[in-house]
N, C-alpha and C. Protein backbone atom coordinates (compact mmCIF):
# COMPACT_ATOMS: atom_id res chain seq x y z
N UNK A 1 -11.72 -23.53 20.30
CA UNK A 1 -10.50 -23.43 21.08
C UNK A 1 -10.40 -24.60 22.06
N UNK A 2 -9.20 -24.86 22.48
CA UNK A 2 -8.90 -25.88 23.47
C UNK A 2 -9.36 -27.27 23.04
N UNK A 3 -9.41 -27.49 21.74
CA UNK A 3 -9.94 -28.78 21.26
C UNK A 3 -8.92 -29.53 20.42
N UNK A 4 -7.65 -29.33 20.68
CA UNK A 4 -6.64 -30.10 19.98
C UNK A 4 -6.82 -31.57 20.35
N UNK A 5 -6.86 -32.41 19.34
CA UNK A 5 -7.19 -33.81 19.54
C UNK A 5 -5.96 -34.70 19.48
N UNK A 6 -5.95 -35.70 20.32
CA UNK A 6 -4.90 -36.72 20.27
C UNK A 6 -5.12 -37.59 19.04
N UNK A 7 -4.09 -37.72 18.23
CA UNK A 7 -4.16 -38.60 17.07
C UNK A 7 -3.69 -40.00 17.47
N UNK A 8 -4.40 -41.03 17.04
CA UNK A 8 -3.94 -42.38 17.37
C UNK A 8 -2.63 -42.69 16.65
N UNK A 9 -1.87 -43.60 17.23
CA UNK A 9 -0.67 -44.07 16.55
C UNK A 9 -1.09 -44.66 15.21
N UNK A 10 -0.45 -44.26 14.10
CA UNK A 10 -0.92 -44.69 12.77
C UNK A 10 -0.54 -46.12 12.40
N UNK A 11 -0.08 -46.89 13.36
CA UNK A 11 0.29 -48.29 13.14
C UNK A 11 0.23 -48.99 14.48
N UNK A 12 0.37 -50.28 14.50
CA UNK A 12 0.36 -51.02 15.75
C UNK A 12 1.54 -50.66 16.63
N UNK A 13 1.35 -50.72 17.93
CA UNK A 13 2.41 -50.38 18.86
C UNK A 13 3.63 -51.29 18.71
N UNK A 14 3.43 -52.45 18.12
CA UNK A 14 4.53 -53.41 17.96
C UNK A 14 5.03 -53.50 16.52
N UNK A 15 4.74 -52.47 15.71
CA UNK A 15 5.00 -52.54 14.27
C UNK A 15 6.31 -51.92 13.83
N UNK A 16 7.15 -51.50 14.77
CA UNK A 16 8.40 -50.83 14.41
C UNK A 16 9.58 -51.63 14.93
N UNK A 17 10.16 -52.50 14.12
CA UNK A 17 11.32 -53.29 14.57
C UNK A 17 12.42 -52.39 15.11
N UNK A 18 12.90 -52.73 16.29
CA UNK A 18 13.95 -51.94 16.91
C UNK A 18 13.45 -50.87 17.86
N UNK A 19 12.16 -50.55 17.79
CA UNK A 19 11.52 -49.63 18.74
C UNK A 19 10.39 -50.43 19.37
N UNK A 20 10.51 -50.72 20.64
CA UNK A 20 9.64 -51.70 21.28
C UNK A 20 8.21 -51.21 21.46
N UNK A 21 7.33 -52.17 21.63
CA UNK A 21 5.92 -51.88 21.91
C UNK A 21 5.79 -51.04 23.18
N UNK A 22 6.58 -51.35 24.19
CA UNK A 22 6.52 -50.61 25.44
C UNK A 22 6.90 -49.16 25.24
N UNK A 23 7.98 -48.92 24.49
CA UNK A 23 8.41 -47.54 24.26
C UNK A 23 7.37 -46.78 23.44
N UNK A 24 6.84 -47.39 22.39
CA UNK A 24 5.79 -46.73 21.61
C UNK A 24 4.58 -46.39 22.48
N UNK A 25 4.24 -47.31 23.37
CA UNK A 25 3.09 -47.07 24.24
C UNK A 25 3.34 -45.90 25.18
N UNK A 26 4.46 -45.91 25.87
CA UNK A 26 4.79 -44.80 26.77
C UNK A 26 4.92 -43.48 26.00
N UNK A 27 5.63 -43.56 24.89
CA UNK A 27 5.93 -42.35 24.11
C UNK A 27 4.65 -41.70 23.62
N UNK A 28 3.77 -42.51 23.04
CA UNK A 28 2.53 -41.96 22.50
C UNK A 28 1.51 -41.65 23.60
N UNK A 29 1.22 -42.63 24.44
CA UNK A 29 0.09 -42.52 25.36
C UNK A 29 0.38 -41.64 26.58
N UNK A 30 1.65 -41.41 26.88
CA UNK A 30 1.99 -40.57 28.03
C UNK A 30 2.61 -39.24 27.59
N UNK A 31 3.75 -39.30 26.88
CA UNK A 31 4.45 -38.06 26.53
C UNK A 31 3.66 -37.23 25.52
N UNK A 32 3.33 -37.81 24.40
CA UNK A 32 2.60 -37.07 23.37
C UNK A 32 1.24 -36.60 23.86
N UNK A 33 0.48 -37.50 24.48
CA UNK A 33 -0.84 -37.13 24.99
C UNK A 33 -0.71 -35.97 25.98
N UNK A 34 0.37 -35.98 26.78
CA UNK A 34 0.59 -34.89 27.73
C UNK A 34 0.75 -33.55 27.06
N UNK A 35 1.44 -33.51 25.92
CA UNK A 35 1.61 -32.23 25.21
C UNK A 35 0.28 -31.72 24.68
N UNK A 36 -0.53 -32.61 24.16
CA UNK A 36 -1.83 -32.19 23.63
C UNK A 36 -2.71 -31.64 24.75
N UNK A 37 -2.75 -32.34 25.86
CA UNK A 37 -3.58 -31.91 26.99
C UNK A 37 -3.09 -30.56 27.53
N UNK A 38 -1.78 -30.42 27.68
CA UNK A 38 -1.25 -29.16 28.21
C UNK A 38 -1.46 -28.01 27.23
N UNK A 39 -1.40 -28.29 25.94
CA UNK A 39 -1.67 -27.23 24.96
C UNK A 39 -3.09 -26.72 25.13
N UNK A 40 -4.03 -27.62 25.30
CA UNK A 40 -5.42 -27.21 25.51
C UNK A 40 -5.57 -26.44 26.82
N UNK A 41 -4.94 -26.94 27.85
CA UNK A 41 -5.02 -26.29 29.17
C UNK A 41 -4.45 -24.88 29.13
N UNK A 42 -3.30 -24.73 28.48
CA UNK A 42 -2.66 -23.42 28.39
C UNK A 42 -3.52 -22.45 27.60
N UNK A 43 -4.08 -22.89 26.49
CA UNK A 43 -4.91 -21.98 25.69
C UNK A 43 -6.13 -21.52 26.48
N UNK A 44 -6.68 -22.41 27.29
CA UNK A 44 -7.82 -22.02 28.12
C UNK A 44 -7.40 -20.99 29.16
N UNK A 45 -6.25 -21.21 29.81
CA UNK A 45 -5.78 -20.28 30.83
C UNK A 45 -5.40 -18.93 30.23
N UNK A 46 -4.93 -18.92 29.00
CA UNK A 46 -4.56 -17.66 28.35
C UNK A 46 -5.77 -16.75 28.15
N UNK A 47 -6.92 -17.32 28.02
CA UNK A 47 -8.13 -16.51 27.87
C UNK A 47 -8.36 -15.64 29.09
N UNK A 48 -7.93 -16.13 30.26
CA UNK A 48 -8.20 -15.43 31.52
C UNK A 48 -6.98 -14.72 32.09
N UNK A 49 -5.83 -14.92 31.47
CA UNK A 49 -4.60 -14.33 32.02
C UNK A 49 -4.64 -12.80 31.97
N UNK A 50 -4.08 -12.18 32.99
CA UNK A 50 -4.06 -10.71 33.08
C UNK A 50 -2.94 -10.15 32.21
N UNK A 51 -3.29 -9.62 31.07
CA UNK A 51 -2.31 -9.07 30.14
C UNK A 51 -1.70 -7.76 30.64
N UNK A 52 -2.37 -7.08 31.55
CA UNK A 52 -1.84 -5.83 32.10
C UNK A 52 -0.62 -6.06 32.99
N UNK A 53 -0.45 -7.29 33.47
CA UNK A 53 0.68 -7.62 34.33
C UNK A 53 1.85 -8.22 33.56
N UNK A 54 1.76 -8.31 32.25
CA UNK A 54 2.81 -8.93 31.44
C UNK A 54 4.12 -8.15 31.56
N UNK A 55 5.23 -8.87 31.78
CA UNK A 55 6.55 -8.25 31.77
C UNK A 55 7.58 -9.33 31.49
N UNK A 56 8.80 -8.90 31.17
CA UNK A 56 9.83 -9.83 30.73
C UNK A 56 10.48 -10.60 31.86
N UNK A 57 10.31 -10.16 33.10
CA UNK A 57 10.89 -10.86 34.25
C UNK A 57 10.03 -12.06 34.60
N UNK A 58 8.83 -11.82 35.07
CA UNK A 58 7.90 -12.92 35.34
C UNK A 58 6.48 -12.39 35.29
N UNK A 59 5.63 -13.12 34.63
CA UNK A 59 4.19 -12.89 34.69
C UNK A 59 3.51 -14.19 34.27
N UNK A 60 2.31 -14.40 34.77
CA UNK A 60 1.57 -15.59 34.38
C UNK A 60 1.41 -15.65 32.86
N UNK A 61 1.08 -14.51 32.27
CA UNK A 61 0.89 -14.46 30.82
C UNK A 61 2.16 -14.87 30.08
N UNK A 62 3.31 -14.32 30.50
CA UNK A 62 4.56 -14.63 29.82
C UNK A 62 4.92 -16.10 29.91
N UNK A 63 4.75 -16.70 31.10
CA UNK A 63 5.09 -18.11 31.26
C UNK A 63 4.15 -19.00 30.47
N UNK A 64 2.88 -18.65 30.43
CA UNK A 64 1.93 -19.43 29.62
C UNK A 64 2.31 -19.36 28.14
N UNK A 65 2.71 -18.18 27.67
CA UNK A 65 3.09 -18.05 26.26
C UNK A 65 4.33 -18.88 25.95
N UNK A 66 5.29 -18.93 26.88
CA UNK A 66 6.49 -19.74 26.65
C UNK A 66 6.15 -21.22 26.59
N UNK A 67 5.28 -21.68 27.47
CA UNK A 67 4.91 -23.09 27.48
C UNK A 67 3.93 -23.42 26.36
N UNK A 68 3.23 -22.40 25.85
CA UNK A 68 2.33 -22.62 24.72
C UNK A 68 3.10 -23.13 23.51
N UNK A 69 4.20 -22.47 23.17
CA UNK A 69 4.95 -22.90 21.99
C UNK A 69 5.66 -24.22 22.23
N UNK A 70 6.09 -24.47 23.47
CA UNK A 70 6.74 -25.74 23.79
C UNK A 70 5.77 -26.90 23.58
N UNK A 71 4.57 -26.79 24.09
CA UNK A 71 3.60 -27.88 23.98
C UNK A 71 3.00 -27.99 22.59
N UNK A 72 2.76 -26.87 21.93
CA UNK A 72 2.24 -26.92 20.56
C UNK A 72 3.25 -27.58 19.64
N UNK A 73 4.51 -27.19 19.75
CA UNK A 73 5.55 -27.79 18.91
C UNK A 73 5.76 -29.25 19.28
N UNK A 74 5.64 -29.57 20.57
CA UNK A 74 5.75 -30.95 20.99
C UNK A 74 4.68 -31.82 20.36
N UNK A 75 3.46 -31.32 20.30
CA UNK A 75 2.39 -32.06 19.64
C UNK A 75 2.69 -32.27 18.16
N UNK A 76 3.04 -31.19 17.48
CA UNK A 76 3.24 -31.23 16.03
C UNK A 76 4.42 -32.13 15.66
N UNK A 77 5.54 -32.01 16.37
CA UNK A 77 6.71 -32.82 16.04
C UNK A 77 6.47 -34.30 16.30
N UNK A 78 5.78 -34.62 17.38
CA UNK A 78 5.50 -36.03 17.64
C UNK A 78 4.58 -36.62 16.57
N UNK A 79 3.63 -35.87 16.11
CA UNK A 79 2.75 -36.37 15.05
C UNK A 79 3.54 -36.61 13.77
N UNK A 80 4.47 -35.72 13.45
CA UNK A 80 5.33 -35.93 12.28
C UNK A 80 6.23 -37.14 12.48
N UNK A 81 6.77 -37.28 13.68
CA UNK A 81 7.65 -38.41 14.02
C UNK A 81 6.99 -39.73 13.62
N UNK A 82 5.75 -39.92 14.01
CA UNK A 82 5.07 -41.19 13.70
C UNK A 82 4.49 -41.22 12.29
N UNK A 83 4.05 -40.09 11.78
CA UNK A 83 3.44 -40.07 10.44
C UNK A 83 4.40 -40.54 9.36
N UNK A 84 5.70 -40.33 9.56
CA UNK A 84 6.67 -40.68 8.53
C UNK A 84 7.26 -42.07 8.70
N UNK A 85 6.72 -42.84 9.61
CA UNK A 85 7.13 -44.23 9.74
C UNK A 85 6.16 -45.12 8.97
N UNK A 86 6.65 -46.29 8.56
CA UNK A 86 5.81 -47.20 7.78
C UNK A 86 5.86 -48.60 8.32
N UNK A 87 5.08 -49.44 7.72
CA UNK A 87 5.07 -50.86 8.08
C UNK A 87 5.21 -51.68 6.82
N UNK A 88 5.66 -52.91 7.00
CA UNK A 88 5.77 -53.81 5.86
C UNK A 88 6.71 -53.31 4.79
N UNK A 89 6.24 -53.33 3.54
CA UNK A 89 7.07 -52.97 2.40
C UNK A 89 7.30 -51.49 2.22
N UNK A 90 6.69 -50.67 3.09
CA UNK A 90 6.81 -49.22 2.92
C UNK A 90 8.19 -48.71 3.32
N UNK A 91 8.93 -49.50 4.07
CA UNK A 91 10.23 -49.04 4.54
C UNK A 91 11.29 -49.19 3.44
N UNK A 92 12.38 -48.47 3.61
CA UNK A 92 13.45 -48.60 2.64
C UNK A 92 14.36 -47.41 2.66
N UNK A 93 15.08 -47.21 1.56
CA UNK A 93 15.99 -46.07 1.44
C UNK A 93 15.27 -44.91 0.79
N UNK A 94 15.81 -43.69 0.96
CA UNK A 94 15.21 -42.52 0.31
C UNK A 94 15.01 -42.78 -1.18
N UNK A 95 13.86 -42.34 -1.69
CA UNK A 95 13.51 -42.58 -3.08
C UNK A 95 12.81 -41.35 -3.66
N UNK A 96 12.70 -41.33 -4.96
CA UNK A 96 11.97 -40.27 -5.63
C UNK A 96 12.71 -38.94 -5.61
N UNK A 97 11.93 -37.87 -5.64
CA UNK A 97 12.51 -36.53 -5.73
C UNK A 97 13.28 -36.13 -4.48
N UNK A 98 12.87 -36.67 -3.32
CA UNK A 98 13.61 -36.34 -2.09
C UNK A 98 15.03 -36.89 -2.16
N UNK A 99 15.20 -38.07 -2.75
CA UNK A 99 16.53 -38.64 -2.90
C UNK A 99 17.36 -37.80 -3.87
N UNK A 100 16.74 -37.38 -4.96
CA UNK A 100 17.44 -36.52 -5.93
C UNK A 100 17.89 -35.22 -5.28
N UNK A 101 17.02 -34.66 -4.42
CA UNK A 101 17.36 -33.40 -3.75
C UNK A 101 18.47 -33.61 -2.73
N UNK A 102 18.47 -34.75 -2.05
CA UNK A 102 19.56 -35.05 -1.12
C UNK A 102 20.90 -35.10 -1.85
N UNK A 103 20.90 -35.71 -3.02
CA UNK A 103 22.13 -35.79 -3.81
C UNK A 103 22.58 -34.39 -4.23
N UNK A 104 21.61 -33.56 -4.65
CA UNK A 104 21.94 -32.21 -5.09
C UNK A 104 22.48 -31.36 -3.95
N UNK A 105 21.89 -31.50 -2.76
CA UNK A 105 22.23 -30.60 -1.65
C UNK A 105 23.33 -31.13 -0.73
N UNK A 106 23.47 -32.46 -0.65
CA UNK A 106 24.46 -33.04 0.26
C UNK A 106 25.58 -33.79 -0.46
N UNK A 107 25.40 -34.04 -1.74
CA UNK A 107 26.41 -34.77 -2.51
C UNK A 107 26.03 -36.22 -2.75
N UNK A 108 25.28 -36.81 -1.81
CA UNK A 108 24.78 -38.17 -1.95
C UNK A 108 23.77 -38.43 -0.85
N UNK A 109 22.97 -39.46 -1.03
CA UNK A 109 22.04 -39.87 0.02
C UNK A 109 22.81 -40.27 1.28
N UNK A 110 23.94 -40.95 1.07
CA UNK A 110 24.75 -41.40 2.20
C UNK A 110 25.29 -40.23 3.01
N UNK A 111 25.70 -39.16 2.32
CA UNK A 111 26.21 -37.99 3.03
C UNK A 111 25.08 -37.27 3.77
N UNK A 112 23.87 -37.26 3.18
CA UNK A 112 22.74 -36.71 3.92
C UNK A 112 22.52 -37.52 5.20
N UNK A 113 22.53 -38.83 5.08
CA UNK A 113 22.28 -39.69 6.24
C UNK A 113 23.36 -39.51 7.30
N UNK A 114 24.60 -39.41 6.88
CA UNK A 114 25.69 -39.19 7.82
C UNK A 114 25.47 -37.90 8.61
N UNK A 115 25.04 -36.86 7.92
CA UNK A 115 24.80 -35.58 8.58
C UNK A 115 23.58 -35.66 9.50
N UNK A 116 22.53 -36.34 9.07
CA UNK A 116 21.32 -36.48 9.89
C UNK A 116 21.63 -37.24 11.17
N UNK A 117 22.39 -38.32 11.05
CA UNK A 117 22.76 -39.11 12.24
C UNK A 117 23.60 -38.27 13.19
N UNK A 118 24.55 -37.51 12.66
CA UNK A 118 25.37 -36.64 13.51
C UNK A 118 24.51 -35.61 14.22
N UNK A 119 23.56 -35.05 13.51
CA UNK A 119 22.65 -34.07 14.09
C UNK A 119 21.83 -34.70 15.21
N UNK A 120 21.35 -35.92 14.98
CA UNK A 120 20.56 -36.62 15.99
C UNK A 120 21.39 -36.97 17.22
N UNK A 121 22.65 -37.25 17.03
CA UNK A 121 23.53 -37.56 18.17
C UNK A 121 23.88 -36.30 18.97
N UNK A 122 23.92 -35.17 18.30
CA UNK A 122 24.34 -33.92 18.95
C UNK A 122 23.18 -33.20 19.64
N UNK A 123 21.97 -33.44 19.20
CA UNK A 123 20.81 -32.70 19.71
C UNK A 123 20.41 -33.15 21.10
N UNK A 124 19.82 -32.23 21.85
CA UNK A 124 19.19 -32.59 23.11
C UNK A 124 17.80 -33.17 22.86
N UNK A 125 17.12 -32.70 21.82
CA UNK A 125 15.74 -33.11 21.63
C UNK A 125 15.37 -33.69 20.28
N UNK A 126 15.73 -33.02 19.19
CA UNK A 126 15.25 -33.43 17.88
C UNK A 126 16.30 -33.16 16.80
N UNK A 127 16.30 -34.00 15.77
CA UNK A 127 16.93 -33.69 14.48
C UNK A 127 15.80 -33.69 13.46
N UNK A 128 15.75 -32.64 12.65
CA UNK A 128 14.62 -32.47 11.74
C UNK A 128 15.12 -32.17 10.33
N UNK A 129 14.74 -33.01 9.40
CA UNK A 129 15.00 -32.75 7.99
C UNK A 129 13.94 -31.77 7.50
N UNK A 130 14.39 -30.64 6.99
CA UNK A 130 13.47 -29.60 6.53
C UNK A 130 13.80 -29.17 5.11
N UNK A 131 12.78 -28.72 4.42
CA UNK A 131 12.97 -27.98 3.17
C UNK A 131 12.83 -26.51 3.51
N UNK A 132 13.87 -25.73 3.23
CA UNK A 132 13.87 -24.32 3.56
C UNK A 132 13.70 -23.50 2.29
N UNK A 133 12.53 -22.88 2.09
CA UNK A 133 12.30 -22.12 0.86
C UNK A 133 13.14 -20.86 0.76
N UNK A 134 13.76 -20.43 1.87
CA UNK A 134 14.58 -19.21 1.81
C UNK A 134 15.82 -19.41 0.96
N UNK A 135 16.30 -20.66 0.86
CA UNK A 135 17.43 -20.93 -0.03
C UNK A 135 17.17 -22.12 -0.96
N UNK A 136 15.98 -22.71 -0.87
CA UNK A 136 15.61 -23.80 -1.75
C UNK A 136 16.37 -25.09 -1.50
N UNK A 137 16.88 -25.27 -0.27
CA UNK A 137 17.70 -26.43 0.03
C UNK A 137 17.09 -27.27 1.16
N UNK A 138 17.55 -28.51 1.23
CA UNK A 138 17.27 -29.36 2.37
C UNK A 138 18.29 -29.07 3.47
N UNK A 139 17.83 -29.10 4.71
CA UNK A 139 18.71 -28.91 5.86
C UNK A 139 18.33 -29.91 6.94
N UNK A 140 19.32 -30.39 7.67
CA UNK A 140 19.07 -31.11 8.91
C UNK A 140 19.26 -30.11 10.04
N UNK A 141 18.17 -29.72 10.66
CA UNK A 141 18.23 -28.73 11.73
C UNK A 141 18.24 -29.40 13.09
N UNK A 142 19.09 -28.90 13.98
CA UNK A 142 19.19 -29.39 15.34
C UNK A 142 18.28 -28.57 16.23
N UNK A 143 17.38 -29.25 16.91
CA UNK A 143 16.41 -28.59 17.78
C UNK A 143 16.58 -29.16 19.19
N UNK A 144 17.07 -28.33 20.11
CA UNK A 144 17.31 -28.83 21.45
C UNK A 144 16.02 -29.03 22.23
N UNK A 145 15.07 -28.14 22.06
CA UNK A 145 13.75 -28.28 22.69
C UNK A 145 12.71 -28.12 21.59
N UNK A 146 11.50 -28.50 21.85
CA UNK A 146 10.49 -28.48 20.79
C UNK A 146 10.42 -27.14 20.08
N UNK A 147 10.61 -26.07 20.84
CA UNK A 147 10.43 -24.72 20.30
C UNK A 147 11.73 -23.92 20.28
N UNK A 148 12.87 -24.61 20.27
CA UNK A 148 14.16 -23.92 20.31
C UNK A 148 15.08 -24.52 19.25
N UNK A 149 15.22 -23.81 18.16
CA UNK A 149 16.08 -24.27 17.08
C UNK A 149 15.38 -24.33 15.74
N UNK A 150 14.08 -24.10 15.74
CA UNK A 150 13.33 -24.12 14.48
C UNK A 150 13.71 -22.90 13.64
N UNK A 151 13.55 -23.03 12.34
CA UNK A 151 13.83 -21.95 11.40
C UNK A 151 12.52 -21.52 10.75
N UNK A 152 12.19 -20.26 10.89
CA UNK A 152 10.92 -19.76 10.38
C UNK A 152 10.76 -20.04 8.90
N UNK A 153 9.62 -20.58 8.53
CA UNK A 153 9.30 -20.81 7.12
C UNK A 153 9.75 -22.16 6.60
N UNK A 154 10.67 -22.82 7.29
CA UNK A 154 11.15 -24.12 6.83
C UNK A 154 10.07 -25.17 7.07
N UNK A 155 9.93 -26.09 6.13
CA UNK A 155 8.91 -27.14 6.24
C UNK A 155 9.54 -28.42 6.76
N UNK A 156 9.16 -28.89 7.94
CA UNK A 156 9.70 -30.16 8.45
C UNK A 156 9.16 -31.34 7.65
N UNK A 157 10.05 -32.23 7.27
CA UNK A 157 9.69 -33.40 6.48
C UNK A 157 9.86 -34.70 7.24
N UNK A 158 10.83 -34.74 8.14
CA UNK A 158 11.15 -35.93 8.91
C UNK A 158 11.74 -35.47 10.24
N UNK A 159 11.22 -36.01 11.34
CA UNK A 159 11.71 -35.58 12.66
C UNK A 159 11.96 -36.79 13.53
N UNK A 160 13.13 -36.85 14.13
CA UNK A 160 13.43 -37.91 15.08
C UNK A 160 13.55 -37.32 16.47
N UNK A 161 12.82 -37.89 17.39
CA UNK A 161 12.86 -37.50 18.79
C UNK A 161 14.04 -38.21 19.44
N UNK A 162 14.97 -37.44 20.00
CA UNK A 162 16.11 -38.05 20.67
C UNK A 162 16.16 -37.72 22.16
N UNK A 163 15.04 -37.22 22.70
CA UNK A 163 14.94 -37.16 24.15
C UNK A 163 15.01 -38.60 24.66
N UNK A 164 15.52 -38.78 25.87
CA UNK A 164 15.79 -40.14 26.35
C UNK A 164 14.55 -41.01 26.44
N UNK A 165 13.37 -40.39 26.63
CA UNK A 165 12.16 -41.22 26.73
C UNK A 165 11.88 -41.99 25.44
N UNK A 166 12.46 -41.53 24.31
CA UNK A 166 12.19 -42.16 23.03
C UNK A 166 13.00 -43.43 22.79
N UNK A 167 14.05 -43.65 23.59
CA UNK A 167 14.93 -44.78 23.25
C UNK A 167 15.60 -45.45 24.43
N UNK A 168 15.64 -44.82 25.61
CA UNK A 168 16.53 -45.31 26.66
C UNK A 168 16.15 -46.71 27.16
N UNK A 169 14.87 -47.02 27.18
CA UNK A 169 14.48 -48.36 27.63
C UNK A 169 15.01 -49.43 26.68
N UNK A 170 15.01 -49.12 25.39
CA UNK A 170 15.45 -50.10 24.39
C UNK A 170 16.96 -50.14 24.24
N UNK A 171 17.63 -49.01 24.34
CA UNK A 171 19.05 -48.93 23.97
C UNK A 171 19.97 -48.37 25.05
N UNK A 172 19.41 -47.91 26.15
CA UNK A 172 20.27 -47.27 27.13
C UNK A 172 21.01 -46.09 26.50
N UNK A 173 22.30 -45.94 26.76
CA UNK A 173 23.03 -44.80 26.22
C UNK A 173 23.42 -44.93 24.74
N UNK A 174 23.06 -46.05 24.11
CA UNK A 174 23.45 -46.28 22.71
C UNK A 174 22.48 -45.58 21.76
N UNK A 175 22.52 -44.26 21.77
CA UNK A 175 21.56 -43.50 20.96
C UNK A 175 21.71 -43.80 19.47
N UNK A 176 22.93 -44.01 19.02
CA UNK A 176 23.17 -44.26 17.60
C UNK A 176 22.41 -45.47 17.08
N UNK A 177 22.29 -46.51 17.91
CA UNK A 177 21.55 -47.71 17.50
C UNK A 177 20.06 -47.41 17.35
N UNK A 178 19.54 -46.56 18.23
CA UNK A 178 18.14 -46.14 18.11
C UNK A 178 17.92 -45.33 16.83
N UNK A 179 18.84 -44.42 16.53
CA UNK A 179 18.71 -43.61 15.31
C UNK A 179 18.70 -44.52 14.08
N UNK A 180 19.56 -45.52 14.08
CA UNK A 180 19.60 -46.48 12.98
C UNK A 180 18.26 -47.22 12.86
N UNK A 181 17.71 -47.65 13.99
CA UNK A 181 16.43 -48.34 13.96
C UNK A 181 15.32 -47.44 13.44
N UNK A 182 15.34 -46.18 13.87
CA UNK A 182 14.34 -45.23 13.39
C UNK A 182 14.42 -45.10 11.87
N UNK A 183 15.61 -44.88 11.36
CA UNK A 183 15.77 -44.72 9.91
C UNK A 183 15.35 -45.96 9.15
N UNK A 184 15.54 -47.12 9.73
CA UNK A 184 15.11 -48.36 9.07
C UNK A 184 13.59 -48.49 9.00
N UNK A 185 12.88 -47.70 9.79
CA UNK A 185 11.42 -47.74 9.80
C UNK A 185 10.76 -46.60 9.01
N UNK A 186 11.57 -45.70 8.47
CA UNK A 186 11.01 -44.56 7.74
C UNK A 186 10.34 -45.03 6.45
N UNK A 187 9.16 -44.50 6.19
CA UNK A 187 8.45 -44.74 4.93
C UNK A 187 8.81 -43.60 3.98
N UNK A 188 9.79 -43.83 3.14
CA UNK A 188 10.33 -42.75 2.32
C UNK A 188 9.37 -42.25 1.26
N UNK A 189 8.40 -43.06 0.90
CA UNK A 189 7.37 -42.57 -0.02
C UNK A 189 6.58 -41.44 0.61
N UNK A 190 6.36 -41.51 1.93
CA UNK A 190 5.66 -40.44 2.63
C UNK A 190 6.51 -39.17 2.70
N UNK A 191 7.79 -39.35 2.97
CA UNK A 191 8.70 -38.19 3.04
C UNK A 191 8.80 -37.52 1.67
N UNK A 192 8.87 -38.33 0.63
CA UNK A 192 8.94 -37.79 -0.72
C UNK A 192 7.67 -36.99 -1.06
N UNK A 193 6.53 -37.51 -0.67
CA UNK A 193 5.27 -36.81 -0.91
C UNK A 193 5.24 -35.48 -0.16
N UNK A 194 5.71 -35.48 1.09
CA UNK A 194 5.75 -34.25 1.88
C UNK A 194 6.71 -33.23 1.24
N UNK A 195 7.83 -33.72 0.73
CA UNK A 195 8.80 -32.82 0.08
C UNK A 195 8.18 -32.18 -1.16
N UNK A 196 7.53 -32.97 -1.99
CA UNK A 196 6.92 -32.42 -3.20
C UNK A 196 5.83 -31.40 -2.87
N UNK A 197 5.08 -31.66 -1.80
CA UNK A 197 4.06 -30.70 -1.37
C UNK A 197 4.72 -29.40 -0.89
N UNK A 198 5.84 -29.53 -0.16
CA UNK A 198 6.53 -28.34 0.34
C UNK A 198 7.06 -27.48 -0.80
N UNK A 199 7.60 -28.12 -1.82
CA UNK A 199 8.16 -27.38 -2.96
C UNK A 199 7.04 -26.66 -3.71
N UNK A 200 5.90 -27.32 -3.89
CA UNK A 200 4.79 -26.69 -4.62
C UNK A 200 4.24 -25.49 -3.89
N UNK A 201 4.22 -25.57 -2.55
CA UNK A 201 3.60 -24.48 -1.78
C UNK A 201 4.57 -23.33 -1.55
C-alpha cells in the first residue's frame, strides 16, 4: 500500500512540437507527481480514519474517499495522456482498426475528430476517447474533473488534459490550438493497440 510510483515521461520533455518543454516539465514534475503523492498520502490516512464517524455531511473518512478517487483518476489519466503520444515517425492520422471503428461509429475519421475537438473545448478537465463495451461503440466522453464524468466499464484509449495548466503558458486562451497540437503528437499505432486490447477483453 501507499507505493504508487511516479512514471517517468516516456519521451524527452522537448519532444512534442507545439507543447513546450516548460509545460511538459511543469505538467509532469509538479501536477502529475502531486497526484501520485497525494494518492499515497490519502491511502495511508484512510488506514487510520475513524469509520464510526462517517456521514454524508462531513467526516474525515468521507472527504478522504472523495479525494482518493480524484487523485487516483488524476494519476491514471495523466499516464494515459503521455503514453499515447509519440515521437518521430510514430505520429500521424488514425490508422488500423481504430480508424475503421471511427468510421463505423462516427461516419468518418474527420467527424470523430470534429466531435473530439468539440468535447475538448467544452470540458473543464478532460476529453476522453473510450471504447464502451455496454454498446460496443467508441465515445468521446466529457470529464469535468478527474473523477466526474467517467462511464463505468468504458475503456479509455486517448485522453487530453484541458485544464489550463496543460496549455495556458503556450497558448493562452487559444485552447483549440493546443488541442490541434496534441492531436498532431498522438501515436495512433498505440491507440490502435489499446483499442484492440479493449475489444478482446
